Amino acid sequence: TTDSGTFPVVIICSFAAVAAGASASRYLLHNPDVCFDKSKRNSSMPYQSEDGTDWRARRFRFANIHRNAINQSRQFDPAFAKDENKSVAR
C-alpha cells in the first residue's frame, strides 16, 4: 500500500544524512581549530604547529589524488616544495 517511488528518495536522503554526519564528525574530531580538550581551551596558544601541518598535508594529498590542470599548475610550486608535501608525486 506504499508508493514504491518513495524508496529511492528515502535511500538518497538517508545516504546524504550519513555523509553529512560523517563529515561533521570528522571535522569535529580531527580539525586542529576545534578544542575539546580543557587544557587546550585554557591555553592562550592552543595551536600546535605539527597539528596544523598534518591537517594541511592531508588536505593537500587528497586534492592531488588525480592529476589535473588545476593541481599541476605552476602556481602550486610553493605548496609542493613544503616538507610535509614531499610525498605527493607531481
Protein backbone atom coordinates (compact mmCIF):
# COMPACT_ATOMS: atom_id res chain seq x y z
CA THR A 1 0.00 0.00 0.00
CA THR A 2 3.04 2.28 -0.01
CA ASP A 3 4.21 4.18 -3.04
CA SER A 4 7.31 2.48 -4.46
CA GLY A 5 8.58 5.82 -5.76
CA THR A 6 9.39 6.95 -2.22
CA PHE A 7 12.06 4.29 -1.65
CA PRO A 8 14.75 5.92 -3.83
CA VAL A 9 14.05 9.29 -2.19
CA VAL A 10 14.36 7.81 1.30
CA ILE A 11 17.56 5.94 0.37
CA ILE A 12 19.18 9.05 -1.15
CA CYS A 13 18.17 11.23 1.82
CA SER A 14 19.50 8.62 4.25
CA PHE A 15 22.82 8.45 2.40
CA ALA A 16 23.06 12.26 2.41
CA ALA A 17 22.36 12.38 6.16
CA VAL A 18 25.02 9.74 6.89
CA ALA A 19 27.56 11.55 4.68
CA ALA A 20 26.82 14.88 6.39
CA GLY A 21 27.16 13.28 9.82
CA ALA A 22 30.45 11.63 8.87
CA SER A 23 31.84 14.89 7.50
CA ALA A 24 30.77 16.85 10.58
CA SER A 25 32.22 14.28 12.97
CA ARG A 26 35.49 14.19 11.02
CA TYR A 27 35.88 17.95 11.30
CA LEU A 28 34.86 18.00 14.97
CA LEU A 29 37.27 15.22 15.93
CA HIS A 30 40.28 15.96 13.72
CA ASN A 31 40.35 19.67 12.86
CA PRO A 32 43.12 21.45 14.82
CA ASP A 33 40.88 24.52 15.28
CA VAL A 34 38.37 22.58 17.42
CA CYS A 35 39.40 22.35 21.08
CA PHE A 36 37.51 19.75 23.14
CA ASP A 37 40.46 19.26 25.49
CA LYS A 38 40.07 21.55 28.50
CA SER A 39 43.81 22.12 28.81
CA LYS A 40 43.93 23.34 25.20
CA ARG A 41 40.99 25.69 25.75
CA ASN A 42 42.62 27.33 28.77
CA SER A 43 45.87 27.92 26.91
CA SER A 44 46.39 31.29 25.24
CA MET A 45 48.02 29.49 22.28
CA PRO A 46 46.16 26.19 21.81
CA TYR A 47 47.62 25.60 18.37
CA GLN A 48 50.41 23.12 17.79
CA SER A 49 52.32 23.59 14.55
CA GLU A 50 52.54 19.84 13.88
CA ASP A 51 48.73 19.53 14.11
CA GLY A 52 48.26 22.25 11.51
CA THR A 53 50.99 20.82 9.31
CA ASP A 54 49.39 17.37 9.40
CA TRP A 55 45.95 18.82 8.61
CA ARG A 56 47.26 20.82 5.64
CA ALA A 57 49.28 17.88 4.31
CA ARG A 58 46.23 15.58 4.49
CA ARG A 59 44.14 18.08 2.55
CA PHE A 60 46.95 18.56 0.02
CA ARG A 61 47.28 14.79 -0.55
CA PHE A 62 43.51 14.49 -1.01
CA ALA A 63 43.48 17.38 -3.51
CA ASN A 64 46.24 15.72 -5.54
CA ILE A 65 44.86 12.18 -5.78
CA HIS A 66 44.20 12.63 -9.50
CA ARG A 67 46.35 14.82 -11.71
CA ASN A 68 44.52 17.61 -13.50
CA ALA A 69 45.24 21.03 -14.97
CA ILE A 70 44.48 22.84 -11.72
CA ASN A 71 46.67 20.90 -9.30
CA GLN A 72 49.51 20.64 -11.82
CA SER A 73 49.62 24.41 -12.37
CA ARG A 74 52.89 26.22 -11.65
CA GLN A 75 51.13 28.44 -9.09
CA PHE A 76 51.22 25.47 -6.68
CA ASP A 77 55.02 25.07 -6.83
CA PRO A 78 55.48 26.58 -3.34
CA ALA A 79 52.95 24.10 -1.93
CA PHE A 80 54.78 21.15 -3.49
CA ALA A 81 58.07 22.48 -2.08
CA LYS A 82 56.92 22.22 1.57
CA ASP A 83 58.42 19.40 3.59
CA GLU A 84 55.06 17.85 4.51
CA ASN A 85 54.09 17.63 0.82
CA LYS A 86 57.26 15.95 -0.48
CA SER A 87 55.49 12.57 -0.61
CA VAL A 88 52.94 13.80 -3.17
CA ALA A 89 54.06 12.98 -6.70
CA ARG A 90 53.53 15.61 -9.32
